[in-house]
Structure formats: C-alpha cells, structure tokens
C-alpha cells in the first residue's frame, strides 16, 4: 500500500510541475488563442486542461478498481 501511495504522490507532483508548461491546444485552438491575446489564450489553455482532467480521472479510477479486484481475485485463487 505504501508503494501505491508513493507512486500516486510522485505522479501528482510530476503533473503539478508540468501543468504550467502543458500545451493542450489543437491547431484550430492555437490559431484562435493567438488572435485573443496573451491573457485570454492562457485562460483557454487552462480550460482545455481542466476539461481533459475529468475523463482521465474517471478512467484512472476504473482502472485502479479493476486492478485492485484482479489482485484480490489472484490472491484468493493462488
């Protein structure tokens, strides 16, 4: 359990460190952001990253629960 917590902590710290430099724009959004100005472009980029987090969080949670169930089933069988 400590190993899982350490891995999760490491991933969160890494993600937080990379958040400022993340570029989450497609080519159309980049062109639009270039026309909006610096402050609004940063807001658009932050919004894109925010909207991206929900699906990744849901898939990560489902994957973690699946992994945990498989680990428990293997322990019961073996």
PDB file of N, CA and C in Angstrom:
ATOM      1  N   UNK A   1       0.827  -1.192   0.000  1.00  0.00           N
ATOM      2  CA  UNK A   1       0.000   0.000   0.000  1.00  0.00           C
ATOM      3  C   UNK A   1       0.874   1.259   0.000  1.00  0.00           C
ATOM      4  N   UNK A   2       1.997   1.207   0.709  1.00  0.00           N
ATOM      5  CA  UNK A   2       2.891   2.358   0.741  1.00  0.00           C
ATOM      6  C   UNK A   2       3.467   2.632  -0.641  1.00  0.00           C
ATOM      7  N   UNK A   3       3.731   1.570  -1.387  1.00  0.00           N
ATOM      8  CA  UNK A   3       4.293   1.721  -2.716  1.00  0.00           C
ATOM      9  C   UNK A   3       3.298   2.425  -3.641  1.00  0.00           C
ATOM     10  N   UNK A   4       2.022   2.055  -3.545  1.00  0.00           N
ATOM     11  CA  UNK A   4       0.992   2.681  -4.370  1.00  0.00           C
ATOM     12  C   UNK A   4       0.860   4.156  -4.011  1.00  0.00           C
ATOM     13  N   UNK A   5       0.874   4.467  -2.732  1.00  0.00           N
ATOM     14  CA  UNK A   5       0.779   5.859  -2.297  1.00  0.00           C
ATOM     15  C   UNK A   5       1.976   6.666  -2.790  1.00  0.00           C
ATOM     16  N   UNK A   6       3.147   6.075  -2.741  1.00  0.00           N
ATOM     17  CA  UNK A   6       4.351   6.750  -3.209  1.00  0.00           C
ATOM     18  C   UNK A   6       4.273   7.027  -4.711  1.00  0.00           C
ATOM     19  N   UNK A   7       3.795   6.055  -5.474  1.00  0.00           N
ATOM     20  CA  UNK A   7       3.653   6.227  -6.915  1.00  0.00           C
ATOM     21  C   UNK A   7       2.633   7.316  -7.232  1.00  0.00           C
ATOM     22  N   UNK A   8       1.487   7.286  -6.549  1.00  0.00           N
ATOM     23  CA  UNK A   8       0.459   8.302  -6.767  1.00  0.00           C
ATOM     24  C   UNK A   8       0.994   9.686  -6.405  1.00  0.00           C
ATOM     25  N   UNK A   9       1.697   9.793  -5.300  1.00  0.00           N
ATOM     26  CA  UNK A   9       2.269  11.068  -4.890  1.00  0.00           C
ATOM     27  C   UNK A   9       3.268  11.574  -5.927  1.00  0.00           C
ATOM     28  N   UNK A  10       4.122  10.682  -6.408  1.00  0.00           N
ATOM     29  CA  UNK A  10       5.109  11.052  -7.422  1.00  0.00           C
ATOM     30  C   UNK A  10       4.435  11.538  -8.699  1.00  0.00           C
ATOM     31  N   UNK A  11       3.380  10.845  -9.126  1.00  0.00           N
ATOM     32  CA  UNK A  11       2.665  11.253 -10.331  1.00  0.00           C
ATOM     33  C   UNK A  11       1.988  12.603 -10.152  1.00  0.00           C
ATOM     34  N   UNK A  12       1.400  12.848  -8.996  1.00  0.00           N
ATOM     35  CA  UNK A  12       0.756  14.133  -8.737  1.00  0.00           C
ATOM     36  C   UNK A  12       1.764  15.279  -8.731  1.00  0.00           C
ATOM     37  N   UNK A  13       2.912  15.054  -8.107  1.00  0.00           N
ATOM     38  CA  UNK A  13       3.943  16.095  -8.080  1.00  0.00           C
ATOM     39  C   UNK A  13       4.466  16.354  -9.488  1.00  0.00           C
ATOM     40  N   UNK A  14       4.684  15.308 -10.254  1.00  0.00           N
ATOM     41  CA  UNK A  14       5.158  15.456 -11.626  1.00  0.00           C
ATOM     42  C   UNK A  14       4.137  16.202 -12.472  1.00  0.00           C
ATOM     43  N   UNK A  15       2.864  15.838 -12.326  1.00  0.00           N
ATOM     44  CA  UNK A  15       1.815  16.509 -13.084  1.00  0.00           C
ATOM     45  C   UNK A  15       1.722  17.984 -12.701  1.00  0.00           C
ATOM     46  N   UNK A  16       1.814  18.277 -11.418  1.00  0.00           N
ATOM     47  CA  UNK A  16       1.743  19.667 -10.963  1.00  0.00           C
ATOM     48  C   UNK A  16       2.920  20.479 -11.502  1.00  0.00           C
ATOM     49  N   UNK A  17       4.081  19.872 -11.580  1.00  0.00           N
ATOM     50  CA  UNK A  17       5.253  20.577 -12.088  1.00  0.00           C
ATOM     51  C   UNK A  17       5.131  20.849 -13.586  1.00  0.00           C
ATOM     52  N   UNK A  18       4.469  19.975 -14.312  1.00  0.00           N
ATOM     53  CA  UNK A  18       4.339  20.123 -15.751  1.00  0.00           C
ATOM     54  C   UNK A  18       3.117  20.934 -16.158  1.00  0.00           C
ATOM     55  N   UNK A  19       2.235  21.233 -15.228  1.00  0.00           N
ATOM     56  CA  UNK A  19       0.976  21.894 -15.563  1.00  0.00           C
ATOM     57  C   UNK A  19       1.191  23.266 -16.194  1.00  0.00           C
ATOM     58  N   UNK A  20       2.174  24.007 -15.721  1.00  0.00           N
ATOM     59  CA  UNK A  20       2.408  25.347 -16.260  1.00  0.00           C
ATOM     60  C   UNK A  20       2.923  25.330 -17.693  1.00  0.00           C
ATOM     61  N   UNK A  21       3.596  24.265 -18.077  1.00  0.00           N
ATOM     62  CA  UNK A  21       4.175  24.212 -19.418  1.00  0.00           C
ATOM     63  C   UNK A  21       3.343  23.382 -20.389  1.00  0.00           C
ATOM     64  N   UNK A  22       2.228  22.846 -19.926  1.00  0.00           N
ATOM     65  CA  UNK A  22       1.415  21.992 -20.793  1.00  0.00           C
ATOM     66  C   UNK A  22       0.775  22.810 -21.916  1.00  0.00           C
ATOM     67  N   UNK A  23       0.793  22.275 -23.099  1.00  0.00           N
ATOM     68  CA  UNK A  23       0.148  22.895 -24.250  1.00  0.00           C
ATOM     69  C   UNK A  23      -0.955  21.952 -24.715  1.00  0.00           C
ATOM     70  N   UNK A  24      -2.189  22.302 -24.404  1.00  0.00           N
ATOM     71  CA  UNK A  24      -3.305  21.404 -24.680  1.00  0.00           C
ATOM     72  C   UNK A  24      -4.188  21.934 -25.798  1.00  0.00           C
ATOM     73  N   UNK A  25      -3.595  22.506 -26.811  1.00  0.00           N
ATOM     74  CA  UNK A  25      -4.387  23.107 -27.866  1.00  0.00           C
ATOM     75  C   UNK A  25      -4.165  22.401 -29.193  1.00  0.00           C
ATOM     76  N   UNK A  26      -5.280  22.212 -29.899  1.00  0.00           N
ATOM     77  CA  UNK A  26      -5.168  21.718 -31.264  1.00  0.00           C
ATOM     78  C   UNK A  26      -4.787  22.899 -32.157  1.00  0.00           C
ATOM     79  N   UNK A  27      -4.601  22.656 -33.424  1.00  0.00           N
ATOM     80  CA  UNK A  27      -4.163  23.729 -34.322  1.00  0.00           C
ATOM     81  C   UNK A  27      -5.212  24.833 -34.452  1.00  0.00           C
ATOM     82  N   UNK A  28      -6.478  24.473 -34.443  1.00  0.00           N
ATOM     83  CA  UNK A  28      -7.533  25.482 -34.550  1.00  0.00           C
ATOM     84  C   UNK A  28      -7.583  26.332 -33.284  1.00  0.00           C
ATOM     85  N   UNK A  29      -7.476  25.692 -32.131  1.00  0.00           N
ATOM     86  CA  UNK A  29      -7.491  26.435 -30.866  1.00  0.00           C
ATOM     87  C   UNK A  29      -6.255  27.335 -30.748  1.00  0.00           C
ATOM     88  N   UNK A  30      -5.125  26.871 -31.237  1.00  0.00           N
ATOM     89  CA  UNK A  30      -3.904  27.675 -31.197  1.00  0.00           C
ATOM     90  C   UNK A  30      -4.070  28.946 -32.034  1.00  0.00           C
ATOM     91  N   UNK A  31      -4.654  28.806 -33.209  1.00  0.00           N
ATOM     92  CA  UNK A  31      -4.884  29.969 -34.076  1.00  0.00           C
ATOM     93  C   UNK A  31      -5.860  30.943 -33.407  1.00  0.00           C
ATOM     94  N   UNK A  32      -6.927  30.421 -32.821  1.00  0.00           N
ATOM     95  CA  UNK A  32      -7.903  31.259 -32.134  1.00  0.00           C
ATOM     96  C   UNK A  32      -7.269  31.950 -30.943  1.00  0.00           C
ATOM     97  N   UNK A  33      -6.466  31.208 -30.171  1.00  0.00           N
ATOM     98  CA  UNK A  33      -5.816  31.780 -28.989  1.00  0.00           C
ATOM     99  C   UNK A  33      -4.837  32.873 -29.381  1.00  0.00           C
ATOM    100  N   UNK A  34      -4.191  32.728 -30.516  1.00  0.00           N
ATOM    101  CA  UNK A  34      -3.260  33.745 -30.985  1.00  0.00           C
ATOM    102  C   UNK A  34      -3.962  35.057 -31.303  1.00  0.00           C
ATOM    103  N   UNK A  35      -5.213  34.978 -31.693  1.00  0.00           N
ATOM    104  CA  UNK A  35      -5.987  36.171 -32.005  1.00  0.00           C
ATOM    105  C   UNK A  35      -6.608  36.804 -30.766  1.00  0.00           C
ATOM    106  N   UNK A  36      -6.733  36.037 -29.682  1.00  0.00           N
ATOM    107  CA  UNK A  36      -7.389  36.537 -28.471  1.00  0.00           C
ATOM    108  C   UNK A  36      -6.496  37.432 -27.624  1.00  0.00           C
ATOM    109  N   UNK A  37      -5.216  37.193 -27.646  1.00  0.00           N
ATOM    110  CA  UNK A  37      -4.299  37.909 -26.775  1.00  0.00           C
ATOM    111  C   UNK A  37      -3.752  36.964 -25.711  1.00  0.00           C
ATOM    112  N   UNK A  38      -2.726  37.412 -25.002  1.00  0.00           N
ATOM    113  CA  UNK A  38      -1.982  36.546 -24.070  1.00  0.00           C
ATOM    114  C   UNK A  38      -2.840  36.046 -22.906  1.00  0.00           C
ATOM    115  N   UNK A  39      -3.542  36.943 -22.226  1.00  0.00           N
ATOM    116  CA  UNK A  39      -4.290  36.551 -21.025  1.00  0.00           C
ATOM    117  C   UNK A  39      -5.445  35.615 -21.359  1.00  0.00           C
ATOM    118  N   UNK A  40      -6.182  35.925 -22.395  1.00  0.00           N
ATOM    119  CA  UNK A  40      -7.300  35.059 -22.793  1.00  0.00           C
ATOM    120  C   UNK A  40      -6.807  33.726 -23.350  1.00  0.00           C
ATOM    121  N   UNK A  41      -5.660  33.728 -24.013  1.00  0.00           N
ATOM    122  CA  UNK A  41      -5.096  32.486 -24.539  1.00  0.00           C
ATOM    123  C   UNK A  41      -4.709  31.556 -23.390  1.00  0.00           C
ATOM    124  N   UNK A  42      -4.146  32.111 -22.327  1.00  0.00           N
ATOM    125  CA  UNK A  42      -3.819  31.291 -21.158  1.00  0.00           C
ATOM    126  C   UNK A  42      -5.084  30.740 -20.513  1.00  0.00           C
ATOM    127  N   UNK A  43      -6.144  31.538 -20.481  1.00  0.00           N
ATOM    128  CA  UNK A  43      -7.426  31.064 -19.949  1.00  0.00           C
ATOM    129  C   UNK A  43      -8.000  29.938 -20.780  1.00  0.00           C
ATOM    130  N   UNK A  44      -7.911  30.053 -22.091  1.00  0.00           N
ATOM    131  CA  UNK A  44      -8.388  28.996 -22.982  1.00  0.00           C
ATOM    132  C   UNK A  44      -7.599  27.721 -22.765  1.00  0.00           C
ATOM    133  N   UNK A  45      -6.286  27.829 -22.654  1.00  0.00           N
ATOM    134  CA  UNK A  45      -5.434  26.667 -22.432  1.00  0.00           C
ATOM    135  C   UNK A  45      -5.758  26.012 -21.092  1.00  0.00           C
ATOM    136  N   UNK A  46      -5.960  26.808 -20.053  1.00  0.00           N
ATOM    137  CA  UNK A  46      -6.312  26.259 -18.736  1.00  0.00           C
ATOM    138  C   UNK A  46      -7.657  25.556 -18.786  1.00  0.00           C
ATOM    139  N   UNK A  47      -8.608  26.114 -19.517  1.00  0.00           N
ATOM    140  CA  UNK A  47      -9.919  25.478 -19.655  1.00  0.00           C
ATOM    141  C   UNK A  47      -9.841  24.144 -20.358  1.00  0.00           C
ATOM    142  N   UNK A  48      -9.014  24.063 -21.388  1.00  0.00           N
ATOM    143  CA  UNK A  48      -8.840  22.800 -22.110  1.00  0.00           C
ATOM    144  C   UNK A  48      -8.242  21.739 -21.190  1.00  0.00           C
ATOM    145  N   UNK A  49      -7.249  22.115 -20.416  1.00  0.00           N
ATOM    146  CA  UNK A  49      -6.628  21.169 -19.481  1.00  0.00           C
ATOM    147  C   UNK A  49      -7.631  20.743 -18.418  1.00  0.00           C
ATOM    148  N   UNK A  50      -8.419  21.674 -17.906  1.00  0.00           N
ATOM    149  CA  UNK A  50      -9.437  21.362 -16.894  1.00  0.00           C
ATOM    150  C   UNK A  50     -10.445  20.356 -17.444  1.00  0.00           C
ATOM    151  N   UNK A  51     -10.930  20.568 -18.655  1.00  0.00           N
ATOM    152  CA  UNK A  51     -11.896  19.650 -19.255  1.00  0.00           C
ATOM    153  C   UNK A  51     -11.278  18.289 -19.557  1.00  0.00           C
ATOM    154  N   UNK A  52      -9.977  18.242 -19.784  1.00  0.00           N
ATOM    155  CA  UNK A  52      -9.293  16.984 -20.059  1.00  0.00           C
ATOM    156  C   UNK A  52      -9.168  16.117 -18.803  1.00  0.00           C
ATOM    157  N   UNK A  53      -9.120  16.743 -17.637  1.00  0.00           N
ATOM    158  CA  UNK A  53      -8.882  16.000 -16.405  1.00  0.00           C
ATOM    159  C   UNK A  53     -10.025  15.056 -16.028  1.00  0.00           C
ATOM    160  N   UNK A  54     -11.265  15.428 -16.274  1.00  0.00           N
ATOM    161  CA  UNK A  54     -12.401  14.598 -15.870  1.00  0.00           C
ATOM    162  C   UNK A  54     -12.368  13.202 -16.504  1.00  0.00           C
ATOM    163  N   UNK A  55     -12.247  13.066 -17.832  1.00  0.00           N
ATOM    164  CA  UNK A  55     -12.206  11.711 -18.400  1.00  0.00           C
ATOM    165  C   UNK A  55     -11.000  10.902 -17.923  1.00  0.00           C
ATOM    166  N   UNK A  56      -9.844  11.555 -17.798  1.00  0.00           N
ATOM    167  CA  UNK A  56      -8.665  10.833 -17.336  1.00  0.00           C
ATOM    168  C   UNK A  56      -8.833  10.368 -15.887  1.00  0.00           C
ATOM    169  N   UNK A  57      -9.465  11.178 -15.058  1.00  0.00           N
ATOM    170  CA  UNK A  57      -9.714  10.795 -13.670  1.00  0.00           C
ATOM    171  C   UNK A  57     -10.670   9.612 -13.602  1.00  0.00           C
ATOM    172  N   UNK A  58     -11.735   9.644 -14.381  1.00  0.00           N
ATOM    173  CA  UNK A  58     -12.713   8.552 -14.382  1.00  0.00           C
ATOM    174  C   UNK A  58     -12.075   7.259 -14.867  1.00  0.00           C
ATOM    175  N   UNK A  59     -11.339   7.314 -15.962  1.00  0.00           N
ATOM    176  CA  UNK A  59     -10.684   6.114 -16.496  1.00  0.00           C
ATOM    177  C   UNK A  59      -9.636   5.598 -15.512  1.00  0.00           C
ATOM    178  N   UNK A  60      -8.900   6.498 -14.880  1.00  0.00           N
ATOM    179  CA  UNK A  60      -7.917   6.087 -13.881  1.00  0.00           C
ATOM    180  C   UNK A  60      -8.557   5.400 -12.687  1.00  0.00           C
ATOM    181  N   UNK A  61      -9.679   5.927 -12.234  1.00  0.00           N
ATOM    182  CA  UNK A  61     -10.386   5.321 -11.095  1.00  0.00           C
ATOM    183  C   UNK A  61     -10.894   3.928 -11.462  1.00  0.00           C
ATOM    184  N   UNK A  62     -11.494   3.811 -12.641  1.00  0.00           N
ATOM    185  CA  UNK A  62     -11.995   2.500 -13.080  1.00  0.00           C
ATOM    186  C   UNK A  62     -10.842   1.514 -13.222  1.00  0.00           C
ATOM    187  N   UNK A  63      -9.746   1.953 -13.802  1.00  0.00           N
ATOM    188  CA  UNK A  63      -8.579   1.080 -13.950  1.00  0.00           C
ATOM    189  C   UNK A  63      -8.010   0.655 -12.612  1.00  0.00           C
ATOM    190  N   UNK A  64      -7.959   1.591 -11.665  1.00  0.00           N
ATOM    191  CA  UNK A  64      -7.460   1.255 -10.333  1.00  0.00           C
ATOM    192  C   UNK A  64      -8.367   0.242  -9.660  1.00  0.00           C
ATOM    193  N   UNK A  65      -9.677   0.413  -9.733  1.00  0.00           N
ATOM    194  CA  UNK A  65     -10.615  -0.542  -9.108  1.00  0.00           C
ATOM    195  C   UNK A  65     -10.503  -1.918  -9.763  1.00  0.00           C
ATOM    196  N   UNK A  66     -10.334  -1.937 -11.071  1.00  0.00           N
ATOM    197  CA  UNK A  66     -10.191  -3.197 -11.786  1.00  0.00           C
ATOM    198  C   UNK A  66      -8.907  -3.898 -11.357  1.00  0.00           C
ATOM    199  N   UNK A  67      -7.812  -3.158 -11.295  1.00  0.00           N
ATOM    200  CA  UNK A  67      -6.537  -3.723 -10.862  1.00  0.00           C
ATOM    201  C   UNK A  67      -6.643  -4.273  -9.442  1.00  0.00           C
ATOM    202  N   UNK A  68      -7.307  -3.525  -8.558  1.00  0.00           N
ATOM    203  CA  UNK A  68      -7.460  -3.950  -7.166  1.00  0.00           C
ATOM    204  C   UNK A  68      -8.286  -5.242  -7.091  1.00  0.00           C
ATOM    205  N   UNK A  69      -9.370  -5.332  -7.872  1.00  0.00           N
ATOM    206  CA  UNK A  69     -10.209  -6.534  -7.879  1.00  0.00           C
ATOM    207  C   UNK A  69      -9.446  -7.737  -8.432  1.00  0.00           C
ATOM    208  N   UNK A  70      -8.680  -7.528  -9.493  1.00  0.00           N
ATOM    209  CA  UNK A  70      -7.881  -8.614 -10.067  1.00  0.00           C
ATOM    210  C   UNK A  70      -6.822  -9.104  -9.079  1.00  0.00           C
ATOM    211  N   UNK A  71      -6.219  -8.172  -8.378  1.00  0.00           N
ATOM    212  CA  UNK A  71      -5.204  -8.523  -7.389  1.00  0.00           C
ATOM    213  C   UNK A  71      -5.832  -9.363  -6.262  1.00  0.00           C
ATOM    214  N   UNK A  72      -7.035  -8.972  -5.842  1.00  0.00           N
ATOM    215  CA  UNK A  72      -7.727  -9.710  -4.791  1.00  0.00           C
ATOM    216  C   UNK A  72      -8.159 -11.086  -5.280  1.00  0.00           C
ATOM    217  N   UNK A  73      -8.642 -11.194  -6.533  1.00  0.00           N
ATOM    218  CA  UNK A  73      -9.033 -12.488  -7.088  1.00  0.00           C
ATOM    219  C   UNK A  73      -7.853 -13.423  -7.232  1.00  0.00           C
ATOM    220  N   UNK A  74      -6.708 -12.907  -7.628  1.00  0.00           N
ATOM    221  CA  UNK A  74      -5.497 -13.730  -7.757  1.00  0.00           C
ATOM    222  C   UNK A  74      -5.024 -14.220  -6.411  1.00  0.00           C
ATOM    223  N   UNK A  75      -5.193 -13.414  -5.373  1.00  0.00           N
ATOM    224  CA  UNK A  75      -4.782 -13.816  -4.029  1.00  0.00           C
ATOM    225  C   UNK A  75      -5.669 -14.933  -3.507  1.00  0.00           C
ATOM    226  N   UNK A  76      -6.970 -14.901  -3.849  1.00  0.00           N
ATOM    227  CA  UNK A  76      -7.895 -15.937  -3.389  1.00  0.00           C
ATOM    228  C   UNK A  76      -7.660 -17.244  -4.112  1.00  0.00           C
ATOM    229  N   UNK A  77      -7.329 -17.182  -5.388  1.00  0.00           N
ATOM    230  CA  UNK A  77      -7.117 -18.384  -6.203  1.00  0.00           C
ATOM    231  C   UNK A  77      -5.781 -19.045  -5.859  1.00  0.00           C
ATOM    232  N   UNK A  78      -4.753 -18.215  -5.758  1.00  0.00           N
ATOM    233  CA  UNK A  78      -3.395 -18.738  -5.577  1.00  0.00           C
ATOM    234  C   UNK A  78      -3.069 -18.928  -4.183  1.00  0.00           C
TER     235      UNK A  78
END
